[in-house]
C-alpha atoms as a PDB file:
ATOM      1  CA  MET A   1      71.240 199.105  59.621  1.00  0.00           C
ATOM      2  CA  ASP A   2      70.785 202.743  60.685  1.00  0.00           C
ATOM      3  CA  GLU A   3      73.705 204.019  62.797  1.00  0.00           C
ATOM      4  CA  ASN A   4      71.434 205.489  65.494  1.00  0.00           C
ATOM      5  CA  ARG A   5      69.767 202.100  65.878  1.00  0.00           C
ATOM      6  CA  LEU A   6      73.178 200.416  66.097  1.00  0.00           C
ATOM      7  CA  VAL A   7      74.237 202.837  68.830  1.00  0.00           C
ATOM      8  CA  GLU A   8      71.008 202.215  70.767  1.00  0.00           C
ATOM      9  CA  ARG A   9      71.540 198.463  70.536  1.00  0.00           C
ATOM     10  CA  ALA A  10      75.203 198.781  71.562  1.00  0.00           C
ATOM     11  CA  GLN A  11      74.157 200.869  74.575  1.00  0.00           C
ATOM     12  CA  LYS A  12      71.888 197.990  75.602  1.00  0.00           C
ATOM     13  CA  GLY A  13      74.823 195.570  75.503  1.00  0.00           C
ATOM     14  CA  ASP A  14      74.392 194.151  72.007  1.00  0.00           C
ATOM     15  CA  LYS A  15      77.908 192.955  71.129  1.00  0.00           C
ATOM     16  CA  THR A  16      77.070 192.500  67.441  1.00  0.00           C
ATOM     17  CA  ALA A  17      75.992 196.139  67.160  1.00  0.00           C
ATOM     18  CA  LEU A  18      79.140 197.276  68.959  1.00  0.00           C
ATOM     19  CA  SER A  19      81.252 195.137  66.643  1.00  0.00           C
ATOM     20  CA  MET A  20      79.566 196.717  63.619  1.00  0.00           C
ATOM     21  CA  LEU A  21      80.366 200.204  64.941  1.00  0.00           C
ATOM     22  CA  VAL A  22      83.990 199.208  65.510  1.00  0.00           C
ATOM     23  CA  THR A  23      84.198 197.808  61.976  1.00  0.00           C
ATOM     24  CA  THR A  24      82.639 200.964  60.543  1.00  0.00           C
ATOM     25  CA  TYR A  25      85.060 203.364  62.233  1.00  0.00           C
ATOM     26  CA  SER A  26      88.305 201.408  62.751  1.00  0.00           C
ATOM     27  CA  GLU A  27      90.040 202.501  59.561  1.00  0.00           C
ATOM     28  CA  ARG A  28      89.061 206.159  59.932  1.00  0.00           C
ATOM     29  CA  VAL A  29      90.131 206.281  63.592  1.00  0.00           C
ATOM     30  CA  TYR A  30      93.460 204.624  62.765  1.00  0.00           C
ATOM     31  CA  ASN A  31      94.125 207.024  59.869  1.00  0.00           C
ATOM     32  CA  LEU A  32      93.263 210.043  62.014  1.00  0.00           C
ATOM     33  CA  ALA A  33      95.618 208.873  64.779  1.00  0.00           C
ATOM     34  CA  LEU A  34      98.358 208.158  62.248  1.00  0.00           C
ATOM     35  CA  LYS A  35      98.083 211.667  60.819  1.00  0.00           C
ATOM     36  CA  ILE A  36      98.353 213.208  64.282  1.00  0.00           C
ATOM     37  CA  LEU A  37     101.030 210.910  65.721  1.00  0.00           C
ATOM     38  CA  ARG A  38     103.032 209.997  62.590  1.00  0.00           C
ATOM     39  CA  ASN A  39     103.782 206.562  64.048  1.00  0.00           C
ATOM     40  CA  ARG A  40     102.006 203.290  63.207  1.00  0.00           C
ATOM     41  CA  GLU A  41     102.436 201.664  66.619  1.00  0.00           C
ATOM     42  CA  ASP A  42     101.131 204.772  68.386  1.00  0.00           C
ATOM     43  CA  ALA A  43      98.181 204.916  65.972  1.00  0.00           C
ATOM     44  CA  GLU A  44      97.389 201.253  66.725  1.00  0.00           C
ATOM     45  CA  ASP A  45      97.507 202.059  70.453  1.00  0.00           C
ATOM     46  CA  VAL A  46      95.105 204.956  69.944  1.00  0.00           C
ATOM     47  CA  LEU A  47      92.777 202.750  67.905  1.00  0.00           C
ATOM     48  CA  GLN A  48      92.668 200.262  70.770  1.00  0.00           C
ATOM     49  CA  GLU A  49      92.287 202.991  73.425  1.00  0.00           C
ATOM     50  CA  THR A  50      89.503 204.649  71.439  1.00  0.00           C
ATOM     51  CA  PHE A  51      87.414 201.506  71.220  1.00  0.00           C
ATOM     52  CA  LEU A  52      88.071 200.584  74.862  1.00  0.00           C
ATOM     53  CA  THR A  53      86.756 204.042  75.761  1.00  0.00           C
ATOM     54  CA  VAL A  54      83.762 203.532  73.457  1.00  0.00           C
ATOM     55  CA  LEU A  55      83.079 200.183  75.133  1.00  0.00           C
ATOM     56  CA  GLU A  56      83.293 201.715  78.613  1.00  0.00           C
ATOM     57  CA  LYS A  57      81.466 204.973  77.884  1.00  0.00           C
ATOM     58  CA  ILE A  58      78.997 204.303  75.094  1.00  0.00           C
ATOM     59  CA  ASN A  59      76.175 204.776  77.592  1.00  0.00           C
ATOM     60  CA  THR A  60      77.324 208.382  78.099  1.00  0.00           C
ATOM     61  CA  PHE A  61      76.715 209.140  74.405  1.00  0.00           C
ATOM     62  CA  ASP A  62      73.515 211.192  74.448  1.00  0.00           C
ATOM     63  CA  GLY A  63      73.013 211.922  70.770  1.00  0.00           C
ATOM     64  CA  ARG A  64      73.521 215.702  70.994  1.00  0.00           C
ATOM     65  CA  SER A  65      76.202 215.307  68.330  1.00  0.00           C
ATOM     66  CA  SER A  66      76.566 212.570  65.754  1.00  0.00           C
ATOM     67  CA  PHE A  67      78.208 209.326  66.842  1.00  0.00           C
ATOM     68  CA  PHE A  68      80.915 210.064  64.263  1.00  0.00           C
ATOM     69  CA  THR A  69      81.724 213.385  65.977  1.00  0.00           C
ATOM     70  CA  TRP A  70      81.758 211.710  69.386  1.00  0.00           C
ATOM     71  CA  ILE A  71      84.109 208.905  68.340  1.00  0.00           C
ATOM     72  CA  TYR A  72      86.415 211.361  66.547  1.00  0.00           C
ATOM     73  CA  ARG A  73      86.575 213.444  69.730  1.00  0.00           C
ATOM     74  CA  VAL A  74      87.566 210.325  71.704  1.00  0.00           C
ATOM     75  CA  ALA A  75      90.233 209.421  69.109  1.00  0.00           C
ATOM     76  CA  THR A  76      91.574 212.983  68.885  1.00  0.00           C
ATOM     77  CA  ASN A  77      91.825 213.269  72.672  1.00  0.00           C
ATOM     78  CA  ALA A  78      93.577 209.889  72.896  1.00  0.00           C
ATOM     79  CA  SER A  79      96.045 210.972  70.196  1.00  0.00           C
ATOM     80  CA  LEU A  80      96.777 214.290  71.908  1.00  0.00           C
ATOM     81  CA  MET A  81      97.244 212.555  75.269  1.00  0.00           C
ATOM     82  CA  LYS A  82      99.750 210.186  73.683  1.00  0.00           C
ATOM     83  CA  LEU A  83     101.642 213.152  72.232  1.00  0.00           C
ATOM     84  CA  ARG A  84     101.783 214.788  75.657  1.00  0.00           C
ATOM     85  CA  LYS A  85     102.908 211.578  77.359  1.00  0.00           C
ATOM     86  CA  LYS A  86     105.758 211.261  74.896  1.00  0.00           C
ATOM     87  CA  ARG A  87     106.680 214.840  75.800  1.00  0.00           C
ATOM     88  CA  MET A  88     107.057 215.807  72.214  1.00  0.00           C
ATOM     89  CA  VAL A  89     108.146 219.416  72.093  1.00  0.00           C
ATOM     90  CA  PHE A  90     106.702 221.783  69.557  1.00  0.00           C
ATOM     91  CA  ALA A  91     107.935 225.320  69.072  1.00  0.00           C
ATOM     92  CA  GLU A  92     105.365 227.897  70.043  1.00  0.00           C
ATOM     93  CA  PHE A  93     103.827 229.861  67.239  1.00  0.00           C
ATOM     94  CA  PRO A  94     103.450 233.136  69.142  1.00  0.00           C
ATOM     95  CA  ASP A  95     100.387 235.335  69.031  1.00  0.00           C
ATOM     96  CA  ASN A  96     101.221 238.383  67.027  1.00  0.00           C
ATOM     97  CA  PRO A  97      98.789 241.299  66.589  1.00  0.00           C
ATOM     98  CA  ASP A  98     100.405 242.225  63.254  1.00  0.00           C
ATOM     99  CA  LEU A  99      99.917 238.670  62.057  1.00  0.00           C
ATOM    100  CA  GLU A 100      96.243 238.794  63.065  1.00  0.00           C
ATOM    101  CA  LYS A 101      95.815 241.996  61.002  1.00  0.00           C
ATOM    102  CA  SER A 102      97.459 240.338  58.024  1.00  0.00           C
ATOM    103  CA  PHE A 103      94.803 237.594  58.167  1.00  0.00           C
ATOM    104  CA  GLN A 104      92.135 240.188  57.506  1.00  0.00           C
ATOM    105  CA  ASN A 105      93.958 241.341  54.356  1.00  0.00           C
ATOM    106  CA  SER A 106      94.979 237.908  53.072  1.00  0.00           C
ATOM    107  CA  ALA A 107      93.058 235.478  50.956  1.00  0.00           C
ATOM    108  CA  PHE A 108      93.430 231.913  52.185  1.00  0.00           C
ATOM    109  CA  VAL A 109      92.551 229.028  49.949  1.00  0.00           C
ATOM    110  CA  ASP A 110      90.841 225.978  51.403  1.00  0.00           C
ATOM    111  CA  LEU A 111      93.500 223.422  50.503  1.00  0.00           C
ATOM    112  CA  SER A 112      91.009 220.582  50.665  1.00  0.00           C
ATOM    113  CA  GLN A 113      89.127 222.137  47.725  1.00  0.00           C
ATOM    114  CA  ASP A 114      92.207 222.802  45.591  1.00  0.00           C
ATOM    115  CA  PRO A 115      92.900 219.945  43.135  1.00  0.00           C
ATOM    116  CA  SER A 116      96.541 221.016  42.878  1.00  0.00           C
ATOM    117  CA  PHE A 117      96.926 220.180  46.574  1.00  0.00           C
ATOM    118  CA  ASN A 118      96.787 216.489  45.654  1.00  0.00           C
ATOM    119  CA  VAL A 119     100.540 216.414  45.497  1.00  0.00           C
ATOM    120  CA  HIS A 120     102.112 214.114  42.941  1.00  0.00           C
ATOM    121  CA  ASN A 121     105.557 215.518  43.438  1.00  0.00           C
ATOM    122  CA  LYS A 122     107.291 213.312  46.028  1.00  0.00           C
ATOM    123  CA  GLU A 123     109.707 216.043  47.043  1.00  0.00           C
ATOM    124  CA  LEU A 124     106.943 218.551  47.758  1.00  0.00           C
ATOM    125  CA  LYS A 125     104.964 215.893  49.639  1.00  0.00           C
ATOM    126  CA  LYS A 126     108.027 215.193  51.795  1.00  0.00           C
ATOM    127  CA  ILE A 127     108.445 218.917  52.525  1.00  0.00           C
ATOM    128  CA  LEU A 128     104.767 219.263  53.384  1.00  0.00           C
ATOM    129  CA  ASP A 129     104.801 216.181  55.653  1.00  0.00           C
ATOM    130  CA  LYS A 130     107.793 217.548  57.553  1.00  0.00           C
ATOM    131  CA  ALA A 131     106.174 220.980  57.842  1.00  0.00           C
ATOM    132  CA  ILE A 132     102.957 219.417  59.217  1.00  0.00           C
ATOM    133  CA  VAL A 133     105.000 217.616  61.903  1.00  0.00           C
ATOM    134  CA  GLU A 134     106.567 220.964  62.840  1.00  0.00           C
ATOM    135  CA  LEU A 135     103.189 222.641  63.274  1.00  0.00           C
ATOM    136  CA  PRO A 136     102.417 223.394  66.913  1.00  0.00           C
ATOM    137  CA  GLU A 137      99.945 220.805  68.219  1.00  0.00           C
ATOM    138  CA  ILE A 138      96.895 223.099  68.458  1.00  0.00           C
ATOM    139  CA  TYR A 139      97.237 224.150  64.820  1.00  0.00           C
ATOM    140  CA  ARG A 140      98.234 220.735  63.480  1.00  0.00           C
ATOM    141  CA  THR A 141      95.136 219.046  64.881  1.00  0.00           C
ATOM    142  CA  VAL A 142      92.807 221.598  63.292  1.00  0.00           C
ATOM    143  CA  PHE A 143      94.666 221.334  59.963  1.00  0.00           C
ATOM    144  CA  ILE A 144      94.440 217.536  60.005  1.00  0.00           C
ATOM    145  CA  LEU A 145      90.728 217.475  60.822  1.00  0.00           C
ATOM    146  CA  ARG A 146      89.806 220.190  58.281  1.00  0.00           C
ATOM    147  CA  ASP A 147      92.195 219.814  55.362  1.00  0.00           C
ATOM    148  CA  LEU A 148      93.216 216.159  55.548  1.00  0.00           C
ATOM    149  CA  GLU A 149      90.108 214.540  57.032  1.00  0.00           C
ATOM    150  CA  TYR A 150      87.782 217.012  55.250  1.00  0.00           C
ATOM    151  CA  LEU A 151      85.605 217.633  58.299  1.00  0.00           C
ATOM    152  CA  SER A 152      83.399 220.707  58.443  1.00  0.00           C
ATOM    153  CA  ILE A 153      84.245 223.675  60.645  1.00  0.00           C
ATOM    154  CA  ARG A 154      81.245 222.735  62.777  1.00  0.00           C
ATOM    155  CA  ASP A 155      82.369 219.118  63.281  1.00  0.00           C
ATOM    156  CA  THR A 156      85.951 220.214  63.950  1.00  0.00           C
ATOM    157  CA  SER A 157      84.649 222.674  66.527  1.00  0.00           C
ATOM    158  CA  ARG A 158      82.642 219.957  68.274  1.00  0.00           C
ATOM    159  CA  ILE A 159      85.472 217.416  68.243  1.00  0.00           C
ATOM    160  CA  LEU A 160      88.012 219.850  69.686  1.00  0.00           C
ATOM    161  CA  GLU A 161      85.428 221.561  71.907  1.00  0.00           C
ATOM    162  CA  ILE A 162      86.426 225.031  70.702  1.00  0.00           C
ATOM    163  CA  SER A 163      84.408 227.727  68.960  1.00  0.00           C
ATOM    164  CA  GLU A 164      83.980 227.742  65.195  1.00  0.00           C
ATOM    165  CA  GLU A 165      85.776 231.097  65.099  1.00  0.00           C
ATOM    166  CA  ASN A 166      88.708 229.528  66.959  1.00  0.00           C
ATOM    167  CA  VAL A 167      88.800 226.721  64.374  1.00  0.00           C
ATOM    168  CA  LYS A 168      89.018 229.320  61.592  1.00  0.00           C
ATOM    169  CA  ILE A 169      91.793 231.257  63.323  1.00  0.00           C
ATOM    170  CA  ARG A 170      93.861 228.145  64.056  1.00  0.00           C
ATOM    171  CA  LEU A 171      93.380 226.880  60.522  1.00  0.00           C
ATOM    172  CA  ARG A 172      94.560 230.211  59.084  1.00  0.00           C
ATOM    173  CA  ARG A 173      97.650 230.073  61.290  1.00  0.00           C
ATOM    174  CA  ALA A 174      98.353 226.483  60.272  1.00  0.00           C
ATOM    175  CA  ARG A 175      98.055 227.302  56.588  1.00  0.00           C
ATOM    176  CA  LEU A 176     100.234 230.393  56.945  1.00  0.00           C
ATOM    177  CA  PHE A 177     102.872 228.366  58.828  1.00  0.00           C
ATOM    178  CA  LEU A 178     102.862 225.665  56.127  1.00  0.00           C
ATOM    179  CA  ARG A 179     102.971 228.197  53.327  1.00  0.00           C
ATOM    180  CA  ASP A 180     105.973 229.883  54.955  1.00  0.00           C
ATOM    181  CA  LYS A 181     107.775 226.553  55.430  1.00  0.00           C
ATOM    182  CA  ILE A 182     107.281 225.587  51.793  1.00  0.00           C
ATOM    183  CA  THR A 183     108.348 229.056  50.618  1.00  0.00           C
ATOM    184  CA  GLU A 184     111.399 228.862  52.893  1.00  0.00           C
ATOM    185  CA  TYR A 185     112.364 225.510  51.399  1.00  0.00           C
ATOM    186  CA  TYR A 186     112.205 226.771  47.830  1.00  0.00           C
ATOM    187  CA  SER A 187     113.948 230.058  48.630  1.00  0.00           C
ATOM    188  CA  GLU A 188     116.861 228.119  50.173  1.00  0.00           C
ATOM    189  CA  GLY A 189     117.298 225.964  47.113  1.00  0.00           C
ATOM    190  CA  GLY A 190     115.773 222.789  48.520  1.00  0.00           C
ATOM    191  CA  ASP A 191     118.425 221.881  51.099  1.00  0.00           C
ATOM    192  CA  HIS A 192     116.466 222.762  54.227  1.00  0.00           C
ATOM    193  CA  TYR A 193     114.395 219.568  54.433  1.00  0.00           C
ATOM    194  CA  GLU A 194     116.821 217.064  52.993  1.00  0.00           C
ATOM    195  CA  GLY A 195     117.950 216.053  56.466  1.00  0.00           C
ATOM    196  CA  ASN A 196     121.637 216.710  55.642  1.00  0.00           C
END
């Protein structure tokens, strides 16, 4: 059945339609929350919170964006709220005018389009996972939505309720941060992320 029709039926109280929407998006919402929170129990909580919010607020969905974008916004907000409640501290990645100028002169590769980014090397994957956790929240969320969830700049912009230009800037910063962390690891001989 067409998703728009399912949403219309769910808004009229059709429990079967609502159940079909939950089934359609449960795995994607859980995986998104897991990527942001890095904890299975927290991701399960966000999954539950997301669908409780959908149940309570589905009548506020007006169709200006896709239902997918709307539900991802709900899940992203729930994940970020959980991070804040846990008072997880992330180091600030300060604004730096020189850094902004370097963006204009640097070529950044869209990691989601680079086949070599599908990391088979367990060590490099471990380094990258740790570096993603260390990303400041505002950059990590954009990186996850764009390069791990493969959302468009437009959808990412709508989910986070920021401009498309802001998405691009945050994504560049995230990629630069990750590149520097990986370079730092290899320049230090691989001991930095071993946890010793």
